[in-house]
Protein backbone atom coordinates (compact mmCIF):
# COMPACT_ATOMS: atom_id res chain seq x y z
CA MET A 1 -22.86 -69.35 28.37
CA ILE A 2 -26.55 -70.05 28.97
CA ASP A 3 -27.29 -66.83 27.07
CA LYS A 4 -25.60 -68.28 23.97
CA PHE A 5 -28.28 -70.96 23.93
CA GLY A 6 -31.22 -68.74 24.82
CA GLY A 7 -31.71 -70.50 28.13
CA ILE A 8 -30.88 -73.67 30.01
CA THR A 9 -33.26 -75.87 27.99
CA PHE A 10 -31.36 -75.69 24.71
CA LEU A 11 -27.99 -75.89 26.47
CA VAL A 12 -29.09 -79.14 28.13
CA ILE A 13 -30.42 -80.56 24.85
CA PHE A 14 -27.16 -79.58 23.12
CA VAL A 15 -25.06 -81.26 25.82
CA ILE A 16 -27.20 -84.43 25.83
CA HIS A 17 -27.12 -84.69 22.03
CA PHE A 18 -23.37 -84.30 21.71
CA ALA A 19 -22.67 -86.43 24.81
CA ALA A 20 -24.43 -89.25 22.94
CA TYR A 21 -22.23 -88.52 19.92
CA ALA A 22 -19.14 -88.61 22.18
CA PHE A 23 -20.29 -91.92 23.68
CA TYR A 24 -20.62 -93.57 20.27
CA ALA A 25 -17.39 -91.97 19.06
CA PHE A 26 -15.50 -93.40 22.03
CA ARG A 27 -17.06 -96.84 21.64
CA CYS A 28 -16.38 -96.98 17.90
CA VAL A 29 -12.84 -95.60 17.94
CA PHE A 30 -11.38 -96.73 21.26
CA GLN A 31 -13.49 -99.76 22.19
CA THR A 32 -13.84 -101.12 18.68
CA LYS A 33 -13.47 -104.79 19.57
CA ALA A 34 -16.16 -104.65 22.27
CA PHE A 35 -18.44 -102.65 19.96
CA VAL A 36 -18.24 -105.03 17.01
CA ASP A 37 -18.57 -108.05 19.32
CA GLN A 38 -21.63 -106.55 21.04
CA TYR A 39 -23.48 -106.35 17.72
CA GLY A 40 -22.04 -109.52 16.18
CA MET A 41 -20.34 -107.66 13.34
CA GLY A 42 -17.01 -109.48 13.48
CA ASP A 43 -13.47 -108.19 13.46
CA GLY A 44 -13.66 -107.38 9.74
CA ALA A 45 -15.94 -104.46 10.58
CA ALA A 46 -13.30 -102.70 12.70
CA ILE A 47 -12.02 -100.31 10.02
CA MET A 48 -15.50 -99.16 8.99
CA THR A 49 -16.56 -98.91 12.64
CA ARG A 50 -13.62 -96.62 13.34
CA PHE A 51 -14.45 -94.65 10.19
CA PHE A 52 -18.01 -94.20 11.47
CA GLY A 53 -16.70 -93.18 14.89
CA SER A 54 -14.27 -90.67 13.41
CA ILE A 55 -17.19 -88.77 11.89
CA PHE A 56 -18.68 -88.51 15.37
CA VAL A 57 -15.32 -87.29 16.73
CA GLY A 58 -15.27 -84.46 14.18
CA SER A 59 -18.85 -83.50 15.02
CA VAL A 60 -18.15 -83.48 18.77
CA LEU A 61 -15.05 -81.33 18.34
CA MET A 62 -16.99 -78.89 16.17
CA ALA A 63 -19.85 -78.82 18.70
CA VAL A 64 -17.44 -77.99 21.54
CA TYR A 65 -15.94 -75.20 19.44
CA VAL A 66 -19.29 -73.78 18.31
CA GLY A 67 -21.01 -74.10 21.66
CA PHE A 68 -18.27 -73.16 24.10
CA VAL A 69 -15.20 -71.66 22.41
CA ARG A 70 -16.19 -69.71 19.31
CA PRO A 71 -16.26 -65.95 20.02
CA GLY A 72 -19.41 -65.46 17.92
CA GLY A 73 -21.22 -68.21 19.77
CA LEU A 74 -23.94 -69.91 17.77
CA GLU A 75 -24.42 -67.04 15.34
CA ASN A 76 -24.48 -68.14 11.70
CA THR A 77 -23.83 -71.82 12.47
CA TRP A 78 -26.92 -73.03 10.61
CA ALA A 79 -24.87 -75.20 8.23
CA PHE A 80 -23.39 -77.19 11.12
CA PHE A 81 -26.73 -77.74 12.85
CA ASN A 82 -28.51 -78.63 9.62
CA LEU A 83 -25.78 -81.08 8.63
CA ILE A 84 -26.08 -82.79 12.02
CA PHE A 85 -29.87 -83.00 11.59
CA LEU A 86 -29.56 -84.45 8.07
CA GLN A 87 -26.99 -87.03 9.21
CA ASN A 88 -29.24 -88.10 12.08
CA ALA A 89 -32.33 -88.25 9.88
CA ALA A 90 -30.52 -90.29 7.23
CA ALA A 91 -29.23 -92.72 9.88
CA PHE A 92 -32.76 -93.07 11.25
CA VAL A 93 -34.37 -93.72 7.85
CA PHE A 94 -31.70 -96.20 6.76
CA ALA A 95 -31.82 -98.00 10.12
CA ILE A 96 -35.55 -98.53 9.71
CA TRP A 97 -35.01 -99.67 6.12
CA SER A 98 -32.25 -102.08 7.20
CA HIS A 99 -34.41 -103.63 9.93
CA LYS A 100 -37.38 -104.02 7.60
CA LYS A 101 -35.30 -105.48 4.78
CA GLY A 102 -33.54 -107.72 7.30
CA ASN A 103 -31.32 -109.72 4.98
CA LEU A 104 -28.04 -107.83 5.29
CA GLY A 105 -26.37 -106.64 8.46
CA THR A 106 -28.84 -108.23 10.82
CA ASN A 107 -28.20 -111.21 13.06
CA GLU A 108 -29.23 -112.59 16.43
CA LYS A 109 -27.43 -109.69 18.16
CA THR A 110 -29.14 -106.98 16.11
CA SER A 111 -31.11 -104.74 18.42
CA ILE A 112 -33.62 -101.95 18.08
CA GLU A 113 -30.93 -99.56 19.44
CA GLY A 114 -29.92 -98.97 15.82
CA ILE A 115 -33.31 -97.34 15.26
CA ILE A 116 -33.90 -95.73 18.65
CA ALA A 117 -30.54 -93.93 18.92
CA PRO A 118 -30.72 -92.15 15.55
CA GLY A 119 -34.43 -91.47 16.11
CA VAL A 120 -33.74 -89.72 19.42
CA LEU A 121 -30.75 -87.88 17.94
CA THR A 122 -32.90 -86.74 15.00
CA LEU A 123 -35.53 -85.39 17.38
CA LEU A 124 -32.95 -83.60 19.55
CA SER A 125 -31.21 -82.05 16.54
CA ALA A 126 -34.55 -80.93 15.08
CA ILE A 127 -35.38 -79.26 18.41
CA LEU A 128 -32.01 -77.52 18.34
CA CYS A 129 -32.45 -76.31 14.75
CA TYR A 130 -35.91 -74.95 15.51
CA GLY A 131 -35.26 -73.63 19.01
CA LEU A 132 -31.99 -71.94 18.17
CA SER A 133 -33.19 -70.56 14.83
CA ASP A 134 -33.01 -66.97 16.06
CA LYS A 135 -29.30 -67.50 16.73
CA ILE A 136 -28.02 -69.93 14.10
CA TYR A 137 -29.70 -68.32 11.08
CA ILE A 138 -28.26 -64.83 11.65
């Protein structure tokens, strides 16, 4: 399995990245009330929070398949990895924009986590795209 990732480093980064996705997926889909309360979004945000979480669920399931089940391993999976990178980058940019604009979706419970999490995920997914390029772009 380590050979699929070209070494332990990229396997660990892959696992950390998608463990974070799984964490947010679980919180958004199965702990919706606690999630929306934590950020002061209100119960009206539950449907969209679960929608957001469901996208993470799909990405985690695909990551498990690509990384650990798929017979071809990571070969020719560039579209998946690039989509993940673009989603992370977009979340990062729009989180910064939202915090700077500050008049919609921010309140006393708004934290910098909304910028840090997508920033870290963007960095990790960029490392995966670059580091696994010899495998995913075949």
